[in-house]
Amino acid sequence: MMEDLRAFLFCRVLGNEARGLLDYQEEVLRKIVQRLNWKIVACSKEIGSGKSFDSWSMEKLIHYIVTENIDVILVYDKTRLCIYDDLYAEFKMLCEMHHVQILTMDQISFPHT
């Protein structure tokens, strides 16, 4: 992994009953960023279904993508961004157009020390 990347942390849960998981997702993602020596540019936490991109959090993320203020989106897993594969594919294309990587927990591995 490259150092000095600008990261956007995106956290989402479905309902209020899972609100504690938002803090857990953020904590895990922050630890990864710290270990990789990346810079956190922004963090967004939302409660929502993940069925569309018309939430304030997604609009904020898209703004950071199109203005090229970030290099990577770090998310617990891809369903935290959206639950539909076709919508995810469109989002991924937008990211590729602006040279932004989407990384999930299962794509990052650390050597055992």
PDB file of N, CA and C in Angstrom:
ATOM      1  N   MET A   1       0.835  -1.190   0.000  1.00  0.00           N
ATOM      2  CA  MET A   1       0.000   0.000   0.000  1.00  0.00           C
ATOM      3  C   MET A   1       0.878   1.251   0.000  1.00  0.00           C
ATOM      4  N   MET A   2       0.409   2.268  -0.654  1.00  0.00           N
ATOM      5  CA  MET A   2       1.149   3.516  -0.724  1.00  0.00           C
ATOM      6  C   MET A   2       0.855   4.369   0.509  1.00  0.00           C
ATOM      7  N   GLU A   3       1.846   5.147   0.920  1.00  0.00           N
ATOM      8  CA  GLU A   3       1.659   6.062   2.032  1.00  0.00           C
ATOM      9  C   GLU A   3       1.165   7.401   1.519  1.00  0.00           C
ATOM     10  N   ASP A   4       0.727   8.231   2.424  1.00  0.00           N
ATOM     11  CA  ASP A   4       0.302   9.602   2.137  1.00  0.00           C
ATOM     12  C   ASP A   4      -0.962   9.695   1.282  1.00  0.00           C
ATOM     13  N   LEU A   5      -1.786   8.680   1.296  1.00  0.00           N
ATOM     14  CA  LEU A   5      -3.056   8.761   0.578  1.00  0.00           C
ATOM     15  C   LEU A   5      -4.068   9.533   1.409  1.00  0.00           C
ATOM     16  N   ARG A   6      -4.956  10.213   0.719  1.00  0.00           N
ATOM     17  CA  ARG A   6      -6.030  10.959   1.376  1.00  0.00           C
ATOM     18  C   ARG A   6      -7.268  10.071   1.398  1.00  0.00           C
ATOM     19  N   ALA A   7      -7.744   9.772   2.606  1.00  0.00           N
ATOM     20  CA  ALA A   7      -8.827   8.801   2.764  1.00  0.00           C
ATOM     21  C   ALA A   7     -10.124   9.439   3.239  1.00  0.00           C
ATOM     22  N   PHE A   8     -11.209   8.912   2.725  1.00  0.00           N
ATOM     23  CA  PHE A   8     -12.555   9.245   3.188  1.00  0.00           C
ATOM     24  C   PHE A   8     -13.094   7.975   3.830  1.00  0.00           C
ATOM     25  N   LEU A   9     -13.473   8.047   5.100  1.00  0.00           N
ATOM     26  CA  LEU A   9     -14.058   6.903   5.790  1.00  0.00           C
ATOM     27  C   LEU A   9     -15.566   6.984   5.667  1.00  0.00           C
ATOM     28  N   PHE A  10     -16.186   5.897   5.193  1.00  0.00           N
ATOM     29  CA  PHE A  10     -17.640   5.887   5.036  1.00  0.00           C
ATOM     30  C   PHE A  10     -18.217   4.739   5.854  1.00  0.00           C
ATOM     31  N   CYS A  11     -19.110   5.090   6.772  1.00  0.00           N
ATOM     32  CA  CYS A  11     -19.739   4.107   7.660  1.00  0.00           C
ATOM     33  C   CYS A  11     -21.252   4.227   7.529  1.00  0.00           C
ATOM     34  N   ARG A  12     -21.939   3.071   7.501  1.00  0.00           N
ATOM     35  CA  ARG A  12     -23.402   3.085   7.411  1.00  0.00           C
ATOM     36  C   ARG A  12     -23.956   1.850   8.090  1.00  0.00           C
ATOM     37  N   VAL A  13     -25.098   2.030   8.763  1.00  0.00           N
ATOM     38  CA  VAL A  13     -25.880   0.921   9.290  1.00  0.00           C
ATOM     39  C   VAL A  13     -27.320   1.110   8.852  1.00  0.00           C
ATOM     40  N   LEU A  14     -28.091   0.031   8.944  1.00  0.00           N
ATOM     41  CA  LEU A  14     -29.466   0.060   8.459  1.00  0.00           C
ATOM     42  C   LEU A  14     -30.413   0.838   9.371  1.00  0.00           C
ATOM     43  N   GLY A  15     -30.347   0.600  10.684  1.00  0.00           N
ATOM     44  CA  GLY A  15     -31.322   1.229  11.568  1.00  0.00           C
ATOM     45  C   GLY A  15     -30.724   1.724  12.869  1.00  0.00           C
ATOM     46  N   ASN A  16     -31.525   2.481  13.600  1.00  0.00           N
ATOM     47  CA  ASN A  16     -31.086   3.062  14.874  1.00  0.00           C
ATOM     48  C   ASN A  16     -30.614   2.025  15.881  1.00  0.00           C
ATOM     49  N   GLU A  17     -31.202   0.820  15.829  1.00  0.00           N
ATOM     50  CA  GLU A  17     -30.817  -0.219  16.782  1.00  0.00           C
ATOM     51  C   GLU A  17     -29.367  -0.657  16.598  1.00  0.00           C
ATOM     52  N   ALA A  18     -28.788  -0.369  15.448  1.00  0.00           N
ATOM     53  CA  ALA A  18     -27.396  -0.738  15.170  1.00  0.00           C
ATOM     54  C   ALA A  18     -26.459   0.468  15.256  1.00  0.00           C
ATOM     55  N   ARG A  19     -26.916   1.542  15.858  1.00  0.00           N
ATOM     56  CA  ARG A  19     -26.140   2.785  15.936  1.00  0.00           C
ATOM     57  C   ARG A  19     -24.727   2.557  16.507  1.00  0.00           C
ATOM     58  N   GLY A  20     -24.600   1.670  17.475  1.00  0.00           N
ATOM     59  CA  GLY A  20     -23.288   1.375  18.060  1.00  0.00           C
ATOM     60  C   GLY A  20     -22.296   0.827  17.048  1.00  0.00           C
ATOM     61  N   LEU A  21     -22.805   0.160  16.019  1.00  0.00           N
ATOM     62  CA  LEU A  21     -21.922  -0.378  14.984  1.00  0.00           C
ATOM     63  C   LEU A  21     -21.280   0.722  14.136  1.00  0.00           C
ATOM     64  N   LEU A  22     -21.913   1.904  14.087  1.00  0.00           N
ATOM     65  CA  LEU A  22     -21.296   3.025  13.367  1.00  0.00           C
ATOM     66  C   LEU A  22     -19.967   3.393  14.009  1.00  0.00           C
ATOM     67  N   ASP A  23     -19.978   3.492  15.335  1.00  0.00           N
ATOM     68  CA  ASP A  23     -18.740   3.820  16.046  1.00  0.00           C
ATOM     69  C   ASP A  23     -17.708   2.709  15.876  1.00  0.00           C
ATOM     70  N   TYR A  24     -18.166   1.457  15.875  1.00  0.00           N
ATOM     71  CA  TYR A  24     -17.250   0.328  15.679  1.00  0.00           C
ATOM     72  C   TYR A  24     -16.603   0.399  14.297  1.00  0.00           C
ATOM     73  N   GLN A  25     -17.412   0.614  13.258  1.00  0.00           N
ATOM     74  CA  GLN A  25     -16.864   0.725  11.904  1.00  0.00           C
ATOM     75  C   GLN A  25     -15.830   1.840  11.825  1.00  0.00           C
ATOM     76  N   GLU A  26     -16.172   3.003  12.376  1.00  0.00           N
ATOM     77  CA  GLU A  26     -15.244   4.133  12.336  1.00  0.00           C
ATOM     78  C   GLU A  26     -13.941   3.801  13.062  1.00  0.00           C
ATOM     79  N   GLU A  27     -14.039   3.178  14.228  1.00  0.00           N
ATOM     80  CA  GLU A  27     -12.845   2.832  15.002  1.00  0.00           C
ATOM     81  C   GLU A  27     -11.933   1.885  14.224  1.00  0.00           C
ATOM     82  N   VAL A  28     -12.516   0.861  13.616  1.00  0.00           N
ATOM     83  CA  VAL A  28     -11.733  -0.106  12.841  1.00  0.00           C
ATOM     84  C   VAL A  28     -11.063   0.579  11.647  1.00  0.00           C
ATOM     85  N   LEU A  29     -11.810   1.406  10.933  1.00  0.00           N
ATOM     86  CA  LEU A  29     -11.261   2.084   9.753  1.00  0.00           C
ATOM     87  C   LEU A  29     -10.175   3.086  10.137  1.00  0.00           C
ATOM     88  N   ARG A  30     -10.365   3.792  11.239  1.00  0.00           N
ATOM     89  CA  ARG A  30      -9.343   4.749  11.700  1.00  0.00           C
ATOM     90  C   ARG A  30      -8.036   4.030  12.054  1.00  0.00           C
ATOM     91  N   LYS A  31      -8.147   2.860  12.658  1.00  0.00           N
ATOM     92  CA  LYS A  31      -6.941   2.095  12.995  1.00  0.00           C
ATOM     93  C   LYS A  31      -6.189   1.676  11.734  1.00  0.00           C
ATOM     94  N   ILE A  32      -6.921   1.300  10.702  1.00  0.00           N
ATOM     95  CA  ILE A  32      -6.292   0.920   9.428  1.00  0.00           C
ATOM     96  C   ILE A  32      -5.556   2.111   8.833  1.00  0.00           C
ATOM     97  N   VAL A  33      -6.221   3.264   8.803  1.00  0.00           N
ATOM     98  CA  VAL A  33      -5.605   4.471   8.239  1.00  0.00           C
ATOM     99  C   VAL A  33      -4.334   4.826   9.010  1.00  0.00           C
ATOM    100  N   GLN A  34      -4.403   4.729  10.324  1.00  0.00           N
ATOM    101  CA  GLN A  34      -3.233   5.035  11.148  1.00  0.00           C
ATOM    102  C   GLN A  34      -2.081   4.077  10.829  1.00  0.00           C
ATOM    103  N   ARG A  35      -2.397   2.817  10.711  1.00  0.00           N
ATOM    104  CA  ARG A  35      -1.356   1.817  10.442  1.00  0.00           C
ATOM    105  C   ARG A  35      -0.720   2.003   9.063  1.00  0.00           C
ATOM    106  N   LEU A  36      -1.499   2.497   8.114  1.00  0.00           N
ATOM    107  CA  LEU A  36      -1.005   2.696   6.747  1.00  0.00           C
ATOM    108  C   LEU A  36      -0.400   4.080   6.526  1.00  0.00           C
ATOM    109  N   ASN A  37      -0.438   4.928   7.557  1.00  0.00           N
ATOM    110  CA  ASN A  37       0.082   6.298   7.464  1.00  0.00           C
ATOM    111  C   ASN A  37      -0.631   7.138   6.414  1.00  0.00           C
ATOM    112  N   TRP A  38      -1.932   6.938   6.295  1.00  0.00           N
ATOM    113  CA  TRP A  38      -2.742   7.755   5.400  1.00  0.00           C
ATOM    114  C   TRP A  38      -3.294   8.935   6.181  1.00  0.00           C
ATOM    115  N   LYS A  39      -3.851   9.890   5.459  1.00  0.00           N
ATOM    116  CA  LYS A  39      -4.477  11.060   6.074  1.00  0.00           C
ATOM    117  C   LYS A  39      -5.997  10.929   5.927  1.00  0.00           C
ATOM    118  N   ILE A  40      -6.728  11.105   7.025  1.00  0.00           N
ATOM    119  CA  ILE A  40      -8.188  11.104   6.963  1.00  0.00           C
ATOM    120  C   ILE A  40      -8.630  12.510   6.580  1.00  0.00           C
ATOM    121  N   VAL A  41      -9.265  12.617   5.432  1.00  0.00           N
ATOM    122  CA  VAL A  41      -9.766  13.900   4.949  1.00  0.00           C
ATOM    123  C   VAL A  41     -11.162  14.150   5.505  1.00  0.00           C
ATOM    124  N   ALA A  42     -11.978  13.086   5.556  1.00  0.00           N
ATOM    125  CA  ALA A  42     -13.342  13.215   6.063  1.00  0.00           C
ATOM    126  C   ALA A  42     -13.847  11.842   6.487  1.00  0.00           C
ATOM    127  N   CYS A  43     -14.850  11.877   7.343  1.00  0.00           N
ATOM    128  CA  CYS A  43     -15.514  10.651   7.792  1.00  0.00           C
ATOM    129  C   CYS A  43     -17.001  10.924   7.798  1.00  0.00           C
ATOM    130  N   SER A  44     -17.748   9.982   7.293  1.00  0.00           N
ATOM    131  CA  SER A  44     -19.194  10.121   7.257  1.00  0.00           C
ATOM    132  C   SER A  44     -19.834   8.891   7.880  1.00  0.00           C
ATOM    133  N   LYS A  45     -20.805   9.118   8.752  1.00  0.00           N
ATOM    134  CA  LYS A  45     -21.533   8.018   9.384  1.00  0.00           C
ATOM    135  C   LYS A  45     -23.020   8.274   9.172  1.00  0.00           C
ATOM    136  N   GLU A  46     -23.721   7.259   8.653  1.00  0.00           N
ATOM    137  CA  GLU A  46     -25.144   7.448   8.398  1.00  0.00           C
ATOM    138  C   GLU A  46     -25.942   6.217   8.771  1.00  0.00           C
ATOM    139  N   ILE A  47     -27.192   6.472   9.034  1.00  0.00           N
ATOM    140  CA  ILE A  47     -28.174   5.406   9.243  1.00  0.00           C
ATOM    141  C   ILE A  47     -29.098   5.461   8.042  1.00  0.00           C
ATOM    142  N   GLY A  48     -29.138   4.371   7.281  1.00  0.00           N
ATOM    143  CA  GLY A  48     -29.965   4.354   6.078  1.00  0.00           C
ATOM    144  C   GLY A  48     -29.948   2.980   5.436  1.00  0.00           C
ATOM    145  N   SER A  49     -30.765   2.838   4.424  1.00  0.00           N
ATOM    146  CA  SER A  49     -30.970   1.537   3.786  1.00  0.00           C
ATOM    147  C   SER A  49     -29.880   1.158   2.794  1.00  0.00           C
ATOM    148  N   GLY A  50     -29.176   2.132   2.245  1.00  0.00           N
ATOM    149  CA  GLY A  50     -28.175   1.837   1.223  1.00  0.00           C
ATOM    150  C   GLY A  50     -28.801   1.518  -0.122  1.00  0.00           C
ATOM    151  N   LYS A  51     -30.049   1.946  -0.321  1.00  0.00           N
ATOM    152  CA  LYS A  51     -30.751   1.656  -1.576  1.00  0.00           C
ATOM    153  C   LYS A  51     -30.599   2.756  -2.618  1.00  0.00           C
ATOM    154  N   SER A  52     -30.066   3.915  -2.210  1.00  0.00           N
ATOM    155  CA  SER A  52     -29.887   5.015  -3.158  1.00  0.00           C
ATOM    156  C   SER A  52     -28.749   5.897  -2.675  1.00  0.00           C
ATOM    157  N   PHE A  53     -28.406   6.869  -3.505  1.00  0.00           N
ATOM    158  CA  PHE A  53     -27.325   7.784  -3.174  1.00  0.00           C
ATOM    159  C   PHE A  53     -27.838   9.180  -2.864  1.00  0.00           C
ATOM    160  N   ASP A  54     -29.063   9.302  -2.406  1.00  0.00           N
ATOM    161  CA  ASP A  54     -29.614  10.632  -2.164  1.00  0.00           C
ATOM    162  C   ASP A  54     -29.590  11.041  -0.693  1.00  0.00           C
ATOM    163  N   SER A  55     -28.656  10.495   0.067  1.00  0.00           N
ATOM    164  CA  SER A  55     -28.490  10.922   1.453  1.00  0.00           C
ATOM    165  C   SER A  55     -27.423  12.017   1.513  1.00  0.00           C
ATOM    166  N   TRP A  56     -27.420  12.771   2.595  1.00  0.00           N
ATOM    167  CA  TRP A  56     -26.425  13.824   2.779  1.00  0.00           C
ATOM    168  C   TRP A  56     -25.019  13.227   2.785  1.00  0.00           C
ATOM    169  N   SER A  57     -24.840  12.092   3.440  1.00  0.00           N
ATOM    170  CA  SER A  57     -23.515  11.456   3.526  1.00  0.00           C
ATOM    171  C   SER A  57     -22.987  11.066   2.153  1.00  0.00           C
ATOM    172  N   MET A  58     -23.847  10.495   1.323  1.00  0.00           N
ATOM    173  CA  MET A  58     -23.402  10.103  -0.023  1.00  0.00           C
ATOM    174  C   MET A  58     -23.133  11.327  -0.890  1.00  0.00           C
ATOM    175  N   GLU A  59     -23.952  12.359  -0.744  1.00  0.00           N
ATOM    176  CA  GLU A  59     -23.708  13.585  -1.501  1.00  0.00           C
ATOM    177  C   GLU A  59     -22.363  14.189  -1.106  1.00  0.00           C
ATOM    178  N   LYS A  60     -22.037  14.142   0.186  1.00  0.00           N
ATOM    179  CA  LYS A  60     -20.742  14.638   0.671  1.00  0.00           C
ATOM    180  C   LYS A  60     -19.605  13.813   0.066  1.00  0.00           C
ATOM    181  N   LEU A  61     -19.749  12.492   0.073  1.00  0.00           N
ATOM    182  CA  LEU A  61     -18.728  11.617  -0.480  1.00  0.00           C
ATOM    183  C   LEU A  61     -18.540  11.874  -1.971  1.00  0.00           C
ATOM    184  N   ILE A  62     -19.622  11.968  -2.711  1.00  0.00           N
ATOM    185  CA  ILE A  62     -19.545  12.215  -4.155  1.00  0.00           C
ATOM    186  C   ILE A  62     -18.869  13.558  -4.437  1.00  0.00           C
ATOM    187  N   HIS A  63     -19.157  14.551  -3.613  1.00  0.00           N
ATOM    188  CA  HIS A  63     -18.495  15.857  -3.771  1.00  0.00           C
ATOM    189  C   HIS A  63     -16.978  15.700  -3.628  1.00  0.00           C
ATOM    190  N   TYR A  64     -16.530  14.959  -2.624  1.00  0.00           N
ATOM    191  CA  TYR A  64     -15.095  14.737  -2.432  1.00  0.00           C
ATOM    192  C   TYR A  64     -14.490  13.973  -3.612  1.00  0.00           C
ATOM    193  N   ILE A  65     -15.252  13.073  -4.205  1.00  0.00           N
ATOM    194  CA  ILE A  65     -14.754  12.311  -5.360  1.00  0.00           C
ATOM    195  C   ILE A  65     -14.585  13.221  -6.567  1.00  0.00           C
ATOM    196  N   VAL A  66     -15.635  13.943  -6.938  1.00  0.00           N
ATOM    197  CA  VAL A  66     -15.593  14.732  -8.178  1.00  0.00           C
ATOM    198  C   VAL A  66     -14.672  15.940  -8.070  1.00  0.00           C
ATOM    199  N   THR A  67     -14.430  16.431  -6.868  1.00  0.00           N
ATOM    200  CA  THR A  67     -13.487  17.536  -6.708  1.00  0.00           C
ATOM    201  C   THR A  67     -12.062  17.031  -6.514  1.00  0.00           C
ATOM    202  N   GLU A  68     -11.901  15.703  -6.539  1.00  0.00           N
ATOM    203  CA  GLU A  68     -10.610  15.025  -6.444  1.00  0.00           C
ATOM    204  C   GLU A  68      -9.836  15.417  -5.192  1.00  0.00           C
ATOM    205  N   ASN A  69     -10.570  15.470  -4.085  1.00  0.00           N
ATOM    206  CA  ASN A  69      -9.960  15.773  -2.789  1.00  0.00           C
ATOM    207  C   ASN A  69      -9.554  14.524  -2.019  1.00  0.00           C
ATOM    208  N   ILE A  70      -9.832  13.348  -2.581  1.00  0.00           N
ATOM    209  CA  ILE A  70      -9.485  12.092  -1.917  1.00  0.00           C
ATOM    210  C   ILE A  70      -8.853  11.136  -2.929  1.00  0.00           C
ATOM    211  N   ASP A  71      -8.097  10.184  -2.382  1.00  0.00           N
ATOM    212  CA  ASP A  71      -7.487   9.143  -3.200  1.00  0.00           C
ATOM    213  C   ASP A  71      -8.159   7.797  -2.991  1.00  0.00           C
ATOM    214  N   VAL A  72      -8.735   7.609  -1.804  1.00  0.00           N
ATOM    215  CA  VAL A  72      -9.294   6.309  -1.453  1.00  0.00           C
ATOM    216  C   VAL A  72     -10.519   6.481  -0.556  1.00  0.00           C
ATOM    217  N   ILE A  73     -11.492   5.595  -0.771  1.00  0.00           N
ATOM    218  CA  ILE A  73     -12.647   5.484   0.121  1.00  0.00           C
ATOM    219  C   ILE A  73     -12.447   4.194   0.886  1.00  0.00           C
ATOM    220  N   LEU A  74     -12.437   4.300   2.190  1.00  0.00           N
ATOM    221  CA  LEU A  74     -12.283   3.129   3.033  1.00  0.00           C
ATOM    222  C   LEU A  74     -13.631   2.835   3.677  1.00  0.00           C
ATOM    223  N   VAL A  75     -14.096   1.597   3.469  1.00  0.00           N
ATOM    224  CA  VAL A  75     -15.413   1.196   3.933  1.00  0.00           C
ATOM    225  C   VAL A  75     -15.320  -0.223   4.484  1.00  0.00           C
ATOM    226  N   TYR A  76     -16.132  -0.524   5.487  1.00  0.00           N
ATOM    227  CA  TYR A  76     -16.064  -1.836   6.129  1.00  0.00           C
ATOM    228  C   TYR A  76     -16.293  -2.951   5.111  1.00  0.00           C
ATOM    229  N   ASP A  77     -17.343  -2.848   4.335  1.00  0.00           N
ATOM    230  CA  ASP A  77     -17.557  -3.716   3.170  1.00  0.00           C
ATOM    231  C   ASP A  77     -18.416  -2.966   2.166  1.00  0.00           C
ATOM    232  N   LYS A  78     -18.477  -3.465   0.945  1.00  0.00           N
ATOM    233  CA  LYS A  78     -19.134  -2.700  -0.124  1.00  0.00           C
ATOM    234  C   LYS A  78     -20.619  -2.476   0.114  1.00  0.00           C
ATOM    235  N   THR A  79     -21.261  -3.320   0.923  1.00  0.00           N
ATOM    236  CA  THR A  79     -22.684  -3.106   1.203  1.00  0.00           C
ATOM    237  C   THR A  79     -22.915  -1.895   2.093  1.00  0.00           C
ATOM    238  N   ARG A  80     -21.864  -1.370   2.694  1.00  0.00           N
ATOM    239  CA  ARG A  80     -22.005  -0.139   3.477  1.00  0.00           C
ATOM    240  C   ARG A  80     -22.218   1.045   2.546  1.00  0.00           C
ATOM    241  N   LEU A  81     -21.719   0.971   1.311  1.00  0.00           N
ATOM    242  CA  LEU A  81     -21.950   2.029   0.324  1.00  0.00           C
ATOM    243  C   LEU A  81     -23.337   1.902  -0.281  1.00  0.00           C
ATOM    244  N   CYS A  82     -23.672   0.710  -0.744  1.00  0.00           N
ATOM    245  CA  CYS A  82     -24.999   0.462  -1.307  1.00  0.00           C
ATOM    246  C   CYS A  82     -25.232  -1.043  -1.356  1.00  0.00           C
ATOM    247  N   ILE A  83     -26.505  -1.412  -1.429  1.00  0.00           N
ATOM    248  CA  ILE A  83     -26.832  -2.839  -1.387  1.00  0.00           C
ATOM    249  C   ILE A  83     -27.099  -3.432  -2.765  1.00  0.00           C
ATOM    250  N   TYR A  84     -27.208  -2.598  -3.777  1.00  0.00           N
ATOM    251  CA  TYR A  84     -27.502  -3.099  -5.119  1.00  0.00           C
ATOM    252  C   TYR A  84     -26.234  -3.131  -5.976  1.00  0.00           C
ATOM    253  N   ASP A  85     -25.982  -4.252  -6.638  1.00  0.00           N
ATOM    254  CA  ASP A  85     -24.782  -4.406  -7.445  1.00  0.00           C
ATOM    255  C   ASP A  85     -24.705  -3.411  -8.598  1.00  0.00           C
ATOM    256  N   ASP A  86     -25.831  -3.138  -9.262  1.00  0.00           N
ATOM    257  CA  ASP A  86     -25.793  -2.215 -10.400  1.00  0.00           C
ATOM    258  C   ASP A  86     -25.498  -0.789  -9.939  1.00  0.00           C
ATOM    259  N   LEU A  87     -26.043  -0.390  -8.813  1.00  0.00           N
ATOM    260  CA  LEU A  87     -25.770   0.935  -8.271  1.00  0.00           C
ATOM    261  C   LEU A  87     -24.311   1.036  -7.824  1.00  0.00           C
ATOM    262  N   TYR A  88     -23.796  -0.033  -7.220  1.00  0.00           N
ATOM    263  CA  TYR A  88     -22.387  -0.071  -6.825  1.00  0.00           C
ATOM    264  C   TYR A  88     -21.484   0.042  -8.059  1.00  0.00           C
ATOM    265  N   ALA A  89     -21.847  -0.641  -9.145  1.00  0.00           N
ATOM    266  CA  ALA A  89     -21.052  -0.595 -10.374  1.00  0.00           C
ATOM    267  C   ALA A  89     -20.991   0.832 -10.926  1.00  0.00           C
ATOM    268  N   GLU A  90     -22.108   1.550 -10.892  1.00  0.00           N
ATOM    269  CA  GLU A  90     -22.119   2.939 -11.350  1.00  0.00           C
ATOM    270  C   GLU A  90     -21.238   3.804 -10.457  1.00  0.00           C
ATOM    271  N   PHE A  91     -21.328   3.591  -9.152  1.00  0.00           N
ATOM    272  CA  PHE A  91     -20.515   4.339  -8.204  1.00  0.00           C
ATOM    273  C   PHE A  91     -19.024   4.056  -8.433  1.00  0.00           C
ATOM    274  N   LYS A  92     -18.703   2.796  -8.663  1.00  0.00           N
ATOM    275  CA  LYS A  92     -17.317   2.407  -8.917  1.00  0.00           C
ATOM    276  C   LYS A  92     -16.787   3.078 -10.186  1.00  0.00           C
ATOM    277  N   MET A  93     -17.623   3.175 -11.223  1.00  0.00           N
ATOM    278  CA  MET A  93     -17.209   3.855 -12.453  1.00  0.00           C
ATOM    279  C   MET A  93     -16.903   5.328 -12.185  1.00  0.00           C
ATOM    280  N   LEU A  94     -17.743   5.979 -11.376  1.00  0.00           N
ATOM    281  CA  LEU A  94     -17.515   7.377 -11.014  1.00  0.00           C
ATOM    282  C   LEU A  94     -16.161   7.515 -10.313  1.00  0.00           C
ATOM    283  N   CYS A  95     -15.894   6.609  -9.398  1.00  0.00           N
ATOM    284  CA  CYS A  95     -14.618   6.633  -8.680  1.00  0.00           C
ATOM    285  C   CYS A  95     -13.444   6.442  -9.639  1.00  0.00           C
ATOM    286  N   GLU A  96     -13.565   5.496 -10.539  1.00  0.00           N
ATOM    287  CA  GLU A  96     -12.491   5.242 -11.509  1.00  0.00           C
ATOM    288  C   GLU A  96     -12.235   6.451 -12.390  1.00  0.00           C
ATOM    289  N   MET A  97     -13.305   7.137 -12.791  1.00  0.00           N
ATOM    290  CA  MET A  97     -13.159   8.339 -13.624  1.00  0.00           C
ATOM    291  C   MET A  97     -12.337   9.414 -12.919  1.00  0.00           C
ATOM    292  N   HIS A  98     -12.403   9.432 -11.589  1.00  0.00           N
ATOM    293  CA  HIS A  98     -11.716  10.459 -10.805  1.00  0.00           C
ATOM    294  C   HIS A  98     -10.511   9.901 -10.039  1.00  0.00           C
ATOM    295  N   HIS A  99     -10.092   8.691 -10.424  1.00  0.00           N
ATOM    296  CA  HIS A  99      -8.890   8.058  -9.856  1.00  0.00           C
ATOM    297  C   HIS A  99      -8.981   7.865  -8.346  1.00  0.00           C
ATOM    298  N   VAL A 100     -10.157   7.442  -7.892  1.00  0.00           N
ATOM    299  CA  VAL A 100     -10.376   7.169  -6.474  1.00  0.00           C
ATOM    300  C   VAL A 100     -10.591   5.669  -6.307  1.00  0.00           C
ATOM    301  N   GLN A 101      -9.849   5.076  -5.382  1.00  0.00           N
ATOM    302  CA  GLN A 101      -9.982   3.648  -5.089  1.00  0.00           C
ATOM    303  C   GLN A 101     -11.025   3.436  -4.003  1.00  0.00           C
ATOM    304  N   ILE A 102     -11.747   2.330  -4.100  1.00  0.00           N
ATOM    305  CA  ILE A 102     -12.633   1.890  -3.029  1.00  0.00           C
ATOM    306  C   ILE A 102     -11.966   0.679  -2.394  1.00  0.00           C
ATOM    307  N   LEU A 103     -11.706   0.748  -1.100  1.00  0.00           N
ATOM    308  CA  LEU A 103     -11.094  -0.372  -0.399  1.00  0.00           C
ATOM    309  C   LEU A 103     -11.980  -0.813   0.753  1.00  0.00           C
ATOM    310  N   THR A 104     -12.136  -2.137   0.842  1.00  0.00           N
ATOM    311  CA  THR A 104     -12.904  -2.722   1.940  1.00  0.00           C
ATOM    312  C   THR A 104     -11.949  -3.455   2.875  1.00  0.00           C
ATOM    313  N   MET A 105     -12.447  -3.794   4.041  1.00  0.00           N
ATOM    314  CA  MET A 105     -11.634  -4.484   5.041  1.00  0.00           C
ATOM    315  C   MET A 105     -10.981  -5.744   4.482  1.00  0.00           C
ATOM    316  N   ASP A 106     -11.717  -6.527   3.712  1.00  0.00           N
ATOM    317  CA  ASP A 106     -11.168  -7.793   3.218  1.00  0.00           C
ATOM    318  C   ASP A 106     -10.124  -7.607   2.109  1.00  0.00           C
ATOM    319  N   GLN A 107      -9.941  -6.392   1.618  1.00  0.00           N
ATOM    320  CA  GLN A 107      -8.923  -6.128   0.599  1.00  0.00           C
ATOM    321  C   GLN A 107      -7.603  -5.662   1.205  1.00  0.00           C
ATOM    322  N   ILE A 108      -7.599  -5.422   2.506  1.00  0.00           N
ATOM    323  CA  ILE A 108      -6.402  -4.914   3.173  1.00  0.00           C
ATOM    324  C   ILE A 108      -5.877  -5.998   4.101  1.00  0.00           C
ATOM    325  N   SER A 109      -4.631  -6.339   3.919  1.00  0.00           N
ATOM    326  CA  SER A 109      -4.034  -7.321   4.825  1.00  0.00           C
ATOM    327  C   SER A 109      -2.712  -6.759   5.341  1.00  0.00           C
ATOM    328  N   PHE A 110      -2.381  -7.150   6.544  1.00  0.00           N
ATOM    329  CA  PHE A 110      -1.150  -6.704   7.169  1.00  0.00           C
ATOM    330  C   PHE A 110      -0.262  -7.914   7.412  1.00  0.00           C
ATOM    331  N   PRO A 111       1.021  -7.757   7.231  1.00  0.00           N
ATOM    332  CA  PRO A 111       1.931  -8.864   7.569  1.00  0.00           C
ATOM    333  C   PRO A 111       1.929  -9.088   9.074  1.00  0.00           C
ATOM    334  N   HIS A 112       2.084 -10.319   9.479  1.00  0.00           N
ATOM    335  CA  HIS A 112       2.149 -10.620  10.906  1.00  0.00           C
ATOM    336  C   HIS A 112       3.501 -10.174  11.451  1.00  0.00           C
ATOM    337  N   THR A 113       3.442  -9.490  12.568  1.00  0.00           N
ATOM    338  CA  THR A 113       4.698  -9.012  13.165  1.00  0.00           C
ATOM    339  C   THR A 113       4.925  -9.647  14.506  1.00  0.00           C
TER     340      THR A 113
END
